Amino acid sequence: MLGGMKLANLVTCIVERDKSKWKLLWVSDGTAPRDFSADSLTAALDEASSQTAALYANHIEAAEAELQFAIYPWKGKPGDVILDITKERGEMKASDIQGSGITFTASSFDGLVEAAERYVPDTSKAMFRWIRRVSDLA
């Protein structure tokens, strides 16, 4: 059965705050991990990355595939501010890809959410995006 499994070049994990937890849902043209929830954003992203790495392990598609996180910490109509996450020197950096000049760092993903609440004028219009190469997940 696994031999016929289709793996896509892009797997998107939608991460939403659900009261005190983080809910993760998957979107893909191929096989994806199962939906789940976690207590913290950092734990959610770590688990989603581990599940994706396991799914693509020993498959040629891992060389080209990307895991994209679309993270929605706040209620509202996000998308006016898309904060792109990168890792730099052990810290997470978030920068608005649409040119507002908003940029900030934190030591954790949960810290990025807290920092955004200080630096983004209207978080109801904001979201995070983090793209990782599947081959870097192992």
N, C-alpha and C. Protein backbone atom coordinates (compact mmCIF):
# COMPACT_ATOMS: atom_id res chain seq x y z
N MET A 1 0.82 -1.20 0.00
CA MET A 1 0.00 0.00 0.00
C MET A 1 0.86 1.26 0.00
N LEU A 2 1.93 1.31 0.80
CA LEU A 2 2.78 2.49 0.84
C LEU A 2 3.49 2.72 -0.49
N GLY A 3 3.72 1.67 -1.26
CA GLY A 3 4.39 1.82 -2.54
C GLY A 3 3.62 2.71 -3.49
N GLY A 4 2.30 2.77 -3.39
CA GLY A 4 1.47 3.60 -4.24
C GLY A 4 1.19 4.98 -3.67
N MET A 5 1.79 5.29 -2.56
CA MET A 5 1.56 6.58 -1.90
C MET A 5 2.12 7.71 -2.76
N LYS A 6 1.31 8.74 -3.02
CA LYS A 6 1.75 9.90 -3.78
C LYS A 6 2.20 10.99 -2.81
N LEU A 7 3.41 11.51 -3.04
CA LEU A 7 3.94 12.59 -2.22
C LEU A 7 4.06 13.85 -3.08
N ALA A 8 3.54 14.95 -2.60
CA ALA A 8 3.54 16.20 -3.34
C ALA A 8 4.83 16.98 -3.12
N ASN A 9 5.10 17.93 -4.03
CA ASN A 9 6.26 18.81 -3.86
C ASN A 9 6.00 19.92 -2.85
N LEU A 10 4.74 20.13 -2.51
CA LEU A 10 4.39 21.13 -1.50
C LEU A 10 3.33 20.55 -0.58
N VAL A 11 3.62 20.59 0.71
CA VAL A 11 2.65 20.20 1.73
C VAL A 11 2.45 21.44 2.60
N THR A 12 1.21 21.84 2.76
CA THR A 12 0.90 23.00 3.59
C THR A 12 0.24 22.55 4.88
N CYS A 13 0.75 23.08 5.97
CA CYS A 13 0.19 22.81 7.29
C CYS A 13 -0.43 24.10 7.81
N ILE A 14 -1.74 24.09 7.98
CA ILE A 14 -2.45 25.26 8.51
C ILE A 14 -2.51 25.11 10.02
N VAL A 15 -2.00 26.13 10.70
CA VAL A 15 -1.89 26.09 12.16
C VAL A 15 -2.74 27.23 12.72
N GLU A 16 -3.74 26.86 13.53
CA GLU A 16 -4.65 27.87 14.10
C GLU A 16 -4.73 27.72 15.60
N ARG A 17 -4.80 28.87 16.28
CA ARG A 17 -5.02 28.82 17.72
C ARG A 17 -6.47 28.45 17.97
N ASP A 18 -6.67 27.49 18.87
CA ASP A 18 -8.00 27.03 19.24
C ASP A 18 -8.08 27.03 20.76
N LYS A 19 -8.50 28.17 21.31
CA LYS A 19 -8.51 28.39 22.76
C LYS A 19 -7.09 28.26 23.29
N SER A 20 -6.80 27.29 24.14
CA SER A 20 -5.45 27.17 24.72
C SER A 20 -4.56 26.22 23.93
N LYS A 21 -5.05 25.68 22.83
CA LYS A 21 -4.28 24.72 22.02
C LYS A 21 -4.03 25.27 20.62
N TRP A 22 -3.21 24.55 19.89
CA TRP A 22 -2.95 24.85 18.49
C TRP A 22 -3.44 23.67 17.66
N LYS A 23 -4.29 23.95 16.69
CA LYS A 23 -4.89 22.92 15.84
C LYS A 23 -4.16 22.95 14.49
N LEU A 24 -3.77 21.76 13.99
CA LEU A 24 -3.05 21.65 12.73
C LEU A 24 -3.85 20.84 11.72
N LEU A 25 -4.02 21.40 10.53
CA LEU A 25 -4.73 20.78 9.43
C LEU A 25 -3.81 20.78 8.21
N TRP A 26 -3.91 19.75 7.39
CA TRP A 26 -3.00 19.60 6.27
C TRP A 26 -3.70 19.78 4.94
N VAL A 27 -2.99 20.38 3.97
CA VAL A 27 -3.47 20.54 2.60
C VAL A 27 -2.34 20.08 1.68
N SER A 28 -2.66 19.15 0.77
CA SER A 28 -1.64 18.62 -0.13
C SER A 28 -2.30 17.94 -1.31
N ASP A 29 -1.59 17.90 -2.44
CA ASP A 29 -2.03 17.13 -3.60
C ASP A 29 -1.73 15.64 -3.43
N GLY A 30 -1.01 15.29 -2.38
CA GLY A 30 -0.64 13.91 -2.13
C GLY A 30 -0.91 13.54 -0.69
N THR A 31 -0.24 12.51 -0.24
CA THR A 31 -0.39 12.03 1.12
C THR A 31 0.17 13.08 2.10
N ALA A 32 -0.49 13.26 3.21
CA ALA A 32 -0.05 14.21 4.24
C ALA A 32 -0.24 13.55 5.61
N PRO A 33 0.47 14.06 6.61
CA PRO A 33 0.24 13.55 7.98
C PRO A 33 -1.20 13.79 8.41
N ARG A 34 -1.58 13.18 9.50
CA ARG A 34 -2.95 13.38 10.00
C ARG A 34 -3.03 14.66 10.84
N ASP A 35 -4.22 15.23 10.90
CA ASP A 35 -4.46 16.43 11.69
C ASP A 35 -4.25 16.12 13.17
N PHE A 36 -3.82 17.11 13.93
CA PHE A 36 -3.64 16.93 15.37
C PHE A 36 -3.65 18.29 16.06
N SER A 37 -3.52 18.30 17.37
CA SER A 37 -3.40 19.55 18.11
C SER A 37 -2.26 19.42 19.10
N ALA A 38 -1.75 20.58 19.56
CA ALA A 38 -0.63 20.62 20.49
C ALA A 38 -0.84 21.76 21.48
N ASP A 39 -0.11 21.69 22.60
CA ASP A 39 -0.27 22.69 23.66
C ASP A 39 0.44 24.00 23.37
N SER A 40 1.52 23.97 22.58
CA SER A 40 2.24 25.20 22.26
C SER A 40 2.53 25.25 20.77
N LEU A 41 2.78 26.44 20.27
CA LEU A 41 3.09 26.59 18.86
C LEU A 41 4.41 25.89 18.54
N THR A 42 5.39 26.03 19.39
CA THR A 42 6.68 25.38 19.17
C THR A 42 6.52 23.87 19.10
N ALA A 43 5.77 23.28 20.03
CA ALA A 43 5.53 21.83 20.01
C ALA A 43 4.77 21.43 18.75
N ALA A 44 3.81 22.23 18.32
CA ALA A 44 3.04 21.94 17.12
C ALA A 44 3.93 21.90 15.89
N LEU A 45 4.78 22.90 15.73
CA LEU A 45 5.65 22.97 14.56
C LEU A 45 6.70 21.87 14.57
N ASP A 46 7.22 21.55 15.75
CA ASP A 46 8.19 20.46 15.87
C ASP A 46 7.56 19.12 15.48
N GLU A 47 6.36 18.86 15.99
CA GLU A 47 5.68 17.60 15.69
C GLU A 47 5.30 17.51 14.22
N ALA A 48 4.81 18.61 13.65
CA ALA A 48 4.44 18.61 12.22
C ALA A 48 5.68 18.37 11.35
N SER A 49 6.80 18.97 11.73
CA SER A 49 8.04 18.76 10.98
C SER A 49 8.50 17.31 11.08
N SER A 50 8.41 16.73 12.28
CA SER A 50 8.80 15.33 12.47
C SER A 50 7.91 14.39 11.67
N GLN A 51 6.61 14.63 11.69
CA GLN A 51 5.69 13.78 10.94
C GLN A 51 5.94 13.88 9.44
N THR A 52 6.23 15.08 8.95
CA THR A 52 6.51 15.25 7.53
C THR A 52 7.82 14.56 7.15
N ALA A 53 8.85 14.71 7.98
CA ALA A 53 10.13 14.04 7.73
C ALA A 53 9.95 12.53 7.67
N ALA A 54 9.15 11.98 8.58
CA ALA A 54 8.90 10.54 8.59
C ALA A 54 8.14 10.10 7.34
N LEU A 55 7.18 10.89 6.92
CA LEU A 55 6.39 10.56 5.74
C LEU A 55 7.25 10.51 4.48
N TYR A 56 8.19 11.45 4.35
CA TYR A 56 9.02 11.56 3.16
C TYR A 56 10.33 10.76 3.26
N ALA A 57 10.62 10.17 4.41
CA ALA A 57 11.88 9.44 4.59
C ALA A 57 12.03 8.36 3.53
N ASN A 58 13.21 8.29 2.95
CA ASN A 58 13.56 7.29 1.94
C ASN A 58 12.75 7.41 0.65
N HIS A 59 12.20 8.59 0.38
CA HIS A 59 11.47 8.84 -0.87
C HIS A 59 12.19 9.93 -1.64
N ILE A 60 12.31 9.74 -2.92
CA ILE A 60 13.03 10.69 -3.78
C ILE A 60 12.38 12.08 -3.76
N GLU A 61 11.07 12.14 -3.53
CA GLU A 61 10.36 13.43 -3.52
C GLU A 61 10.89 14.38 -2.44
N ALA A 62 11.51 13.83 -1.41
CA ALA A 62 12.01 14.67 -0.30
C ALA A 62 13.04 15.69 -0.78
N ALA A 63 13.76 15.38 -1.84
CA ALA A 63 14.80 16.28 -2.33
C ALA A 63 14.24 17.62 -2.82
N GLU A 64 13.04 17.61 -3.39
CA GLU A 64 12.45 18.83 -3.95
C GLU A 64 11.29 19.39 -3.13
N ALA A 65 10.74 18.61 -2.23
CA ALA A 65 9.51 19.00 -1.54
C ALA A 65 9.75 20.09 -0.49
N GLU A 66 8.69 20.86 -0.27
CA GLU A 66 8.70 21.89 0.77
C GLU A 66 7.51 21.70 1.70
N LEU A 67 7.75 22.04 2.95
CA LEU A 67 6.70 22.09 3.97
C LEU A 67 6.44 23.56 4.25
N GLN A 68 5.23 23.99 4.01
CA GLN A 68 4.85 25.38 4.23
C GLN A 68 3.88 25.45 5.40
N PHE A 69 4.22 26.26 6.38
CA PHE A 69 3.32 26.51 7.51
C PHE A 69 2.59 27.83 7.27
N ALA A 70 1.27 27.81 7.40
CA ALA A 70 0.45 29.01 7.42
C ALA A 70 -0.12 29.09 8.83
N ILE A 71 0.38 30.06 9.60
CA ILE A 71 0.11 30.12 11.04
C ILE A 71 -0.81 31.30 11.34
N TYR A 72 -1.94 30.99 11.97
CA TYR A 72 -2.96 31.99 12.28
C TYR A 72 -3.18 32.08 13.79
N PRO A 73 -2.39 32.91 14.48
CA PRO A 73 -2.54 33.00 15.93
C PRO A 73 -3.74 33.83 16.39
N TRP A 74 -4.28 34.68 15.51
CA TRP A 74 -5.32 35.62 15.92
C TRP A 74 -6.57 35.46 15.07
N LYS A 75 -7.70 35.79 15.66
CA LYS A 75 -8.97 35.81 14.93
C LYS A 75 -9.00 37.07 14.08
N GLY A 76 -9.70 37.02 12.99
CA GLY A 76 -9.82 38.20 12.14
C GLY A 76 -9.79 37.82 10.67
N LYS A 77 -9.25 38.72 9.87
CA LYS A 77 -9.13 38.52 8.43
C LYS A 77 -7.67 38.66 8.05
N PRO A 78 -6.87 37.63 8.36
CA PRO A 78 -5.43 37.74 8.13
C PRO A 78 -5.06 37.73 6.65
N GLY A 79 -3.90 38.25 6.36
CA GLY A 79 -3.39 38.25 5.01
C GLY A 79 -2.86 39.60 4.57
N ASP A 80 -3.31 40.68 5.21
CA ASP A 80 -2.76 42.00 4.88
C ASP A 80 -1.29 42.08 5.30
N VAL A 81 -0.96 41.42 6.40
CA VAL A 81 0.41 41.36 6.89
C VAL A 81 0.80 39.89 6.96
N ILE A 82 1.73 39.48 6.09
CA ILE A 82 2.24 38.11 6.10
C ILE A 82 3.66 38.17 6.62
N LEU A 83 3.86 37.63 7.80
CA LEU A 83 5.15 37.65 8.46
C LEU A 83 5.91 36.38 8.13
N ASP A 84 6.94 36.50 7.32
CA ASP A 84 7.74 35.37 6.88
C ASP A 84 8.78 35.04 7.95
N ILE A 85 8.83 33.77 8.35
CA ILE A 85 9.74 33.34 9.41
C ILE A 85 11.01 32.75 8.81
N THR A 86 12.15 33.17 9.35
CA THR A 86 13.44 32.57 9.04
C THR A 86 14.16 32.34 10.36
N LYS A 87 15.12 31.41 10.34
CA LYS A 87 15.95 31.18 11.52
C LYS A 87 17.31 31.81 11.26
N GLU A 88 17.76 32.62 12.20
CA GLU A 88 19.06 33.27 12.08
C GLU A 88 19.78 33.20 13.42
N ARG A 89 20.96 32.59 13.40
CA ARG A 89 21.80 32.50 14.59
C ARG A 89 21.02 32.06 15.84
N GLY A 90 20.23 31.01 15.69
CA GLY A 90 19.51 30.45 16.83
C GLY A 90 18.25 31.20 17.23
N GLU A 91 17.91 32.26 16.52
CA GLU A 91 16.68 33.00 16.82
C GLU A 91 15.74 32.94 15.62
N MET A 92 14.46 33.13 15.89
CA MET A 92 13.46 33.21 14.83
C MET A 92 13.31 34.69 14.47
N LYS A 93 13.24 34.94 13.18
CA LYS A 93 13.05 36.30 12.70
C LYS A 93 11.78 36.33 11.87
N ALA A 94 10.95 37.33 12.06
CA ALA A 94 9.73 37.50 11.28
C ALA A 94 9.80 38.85 10.58
N SER A 95 9.52 38.83 9.27
CA SER A 95 9.55 40.05 8.46
C SER A 95 8.32 40.08 7.57
N ASP A 96 7.69 41.24 7.48
CA ASP A 96 6.52 41.39 6.62
C ASP A 96 6.96 41.34 5.17
N ILE A 97 6.47 40.37 4.41
CA ILE A 97 6.88 40.20 3.01
C ILE A 97 6.23 41.23 2.09
N GLN A 98 5.28 42.00 2.62
CA GLN A 98 4.56 42.95 1.78
C GLN A 98 5.08 44.38 1.93
N GLY A 99 6.27 44.52 2.56
CA GLY A 99 6.96 45.80 2.53
C GLY A 99 6.62 46.84 3.58
N SER A 100 5.98 46.46 4.67
CA SER A 100 5.67 47.46 5.70
C SER A 100 6.89 47.82 6.53
N GLY A 101 7.94 47.01 6.46
CA GLY A 101 9.13 47.26 7.26
C GLY A 101 9.09 46.60 8.63
N ILE A 102 8.00 45.93 8.96
CA ILE A 102 7.89 45.26 10.26
C ILE A 102 8.83 44.05 10.27
N THR A 103 9.77 44.05 11.22
CA THR A 103 10.71 42.95 11.41
C THR A 103 11.02 42.84 12.89
N PHE A 104 11.03 41.61 13.41
CA PHE A 104 11.37 41.41 14.82
C PHE A 104 11.87 39.99 15.01
N THR A 105 12.51 39.75 16.14
CA THR A 105 13.06 38.42 16.44
C THR A 105 12.56 37.95 17.79
N ALA A 106 12.69 36.65 18.01
CA ALA A 106 12.35 36.03 19.30
C ALA A 106 13.12 34.72 19.39
N SER A 107 13.21 34.19 20.59
CA SER A 107 13.97 32.95 20.78
C SER A 107 13.13 31.70 20.53
N SER A 108 11.81 31.87 20.34
CA SER A 108 10.93 30.72 20.09
C SER A 108 9.77 31.17 19.20
N PHE A 109 9.05 30.20 18.69
CA PHE A 109 7.88 30.52 17.87
C PHE A 109 6.79 31.16 18.72
N ASP A 110 6.62 30.66 19.93
CA ASP A 110 5.63 31.27 20.84
C ASP A 110 6.04 32.71 21.14
N GLY A 111 7.35 32.94 21.25
CA GLY A 111 7.86 34.30 21.46
C GLY A 111 7.59 35.20 20.27
N LEU A 112 7.61 34.66 19.06
CA LEU A 112 7.27 35.46 17.88
C LEU A 112 5.84 35.98 17.95
N VAL A 113 4.93 35.12 18.41
CA VAL A 113 3.53 35.54 18.53
C VAL A 113 3.43 36.69 19.53
N GLU A 114 4.10 36.56 20.67
CA GLU A 114 4.08 37.62 21.68
C GLU A 114 4.70 38.91 21.13
N ALA A 115 5.81 38.80 20.40
CA ALA A 115 6.46 39.98 19.83
C ALA A 115 5.57 40.65 18.79
N ALA A 116 4.89 39.85 17.99
CA ALA A 116 4.00 40.41 16.98
C ALA A 116 2.91 41.26 17.63
N GLU A 117 2.46 40.85 18.79
CA GLU A 117 1.42 41.61 19.48
C GLU A 117 1.92 42.98 19.92
N ARG A 118 3.23 43.15 19.98
CA ARG A 118 3.82 44.46 20.29
C ARG A 118 4.12 45.27 19.03
N TYR A 119 4.54 44.60 17.94
CA TYR A 119 5.05 45.30 16.76
C TYR A 119 4.07 45.45 15.61
N VAL A 120 3.05 44.61 15.53
CA VAL A 120 2.09 44.67 14.43
C VAL A 120 0.90 45.52 14.88
N PRO A 121 0.61 46.61 14.16
CA PRO A 121 -0.47 47.51 14.58
C PRO A 121 -1.84 46.83 14.74
N ASP A 122 -2.18 45.88 13.86
CA ASP A 122 -3.48 45.20 13.94
C ASP A 122 -3.27 43.71 13.66
N THR A 123 -3.10 42.92 14.72
CA THR A 123 -2.82 41.50 14.55
C THR A 123 -3.98 40.74 13.91
N SER A 124 -5.20 41.30 13.93
CA SER A 124 -6.32 40.60 13.29
C SER A 124 -6.14 40.50 11.78
N LYS A 125 -5.19 41.27 11.23
CA LYS A 125 -4.91 41.23 9.79
C LYS A 125 -3.60 40.51 9.48
N ALA A 126 -3.01 39.87 10.50
CA ALA A 126 -1.68 39.29 10.34
C ALA A 126 -1.68 37.76 10.45
N MET A 127 -0.68 37.17 9.82
CA MET A 127 -0.43 35.73 9.90
C MET A 127 1.08 35.52 9.73
N PHE A 128 1.52 34.32 10.04
CA PHE A 128 2.91 33.94 9.81
C PHE A 128 2.98 32.91 8.70
N ARG A 129 4.11 32.91 7.99
CA ARG A 129 4.40 31.88 7.00
C ARG A 129 5.83 31.40 7.24
N TRP A 130 6.02 30.07 7.22
CA TRP A 130 7.36 29.51 7.37
C TRP A 130 7.48 28.38 6.37
N ILE A 131 8.45 28.47 5.48
CA ILE A 131 8.67 27.44 4.46
C ILE A 131 9.99 26.74 4.76
N ARG A 132 9.91 25.41 4.80
CA ARG A 132 11.09 24.58 5.06
C ARG A 132 11.24 23.53 3.96
N ARG A 133 12.46 23.27 3.58
CA ARG A 133 12.72 22.16 2.66
C ARG A 133 12.57 20.85 3.43
N VAL A 134 11.85 19.91 2.87
CA VAL A 134 11.64 18.63 3.53
C VAL A 134 12.98 17.93 3.80
N SER A 135 13.92 18.08 2.88
CA SER A 135 15.23 17.44 3.06
C SER A 135 15.99 18.00 4.27
N ASP A 136 15.62 19.19 4.75
CA ASP A 136 16.26 19.77 5.94
C ASP A 136 15.59 19.35 7.24
N LEU A 137 14.49 18.63 7.17
CA LEU A 137 13.74 18.27 8.37
C LEU A 137 14.37 17.14 9.17
N ALA A 138 15.13 16.28 8.52
CA ALA A 138 15.69 15.08 9.18
C ALA A 138 16.77 15.45 10.19
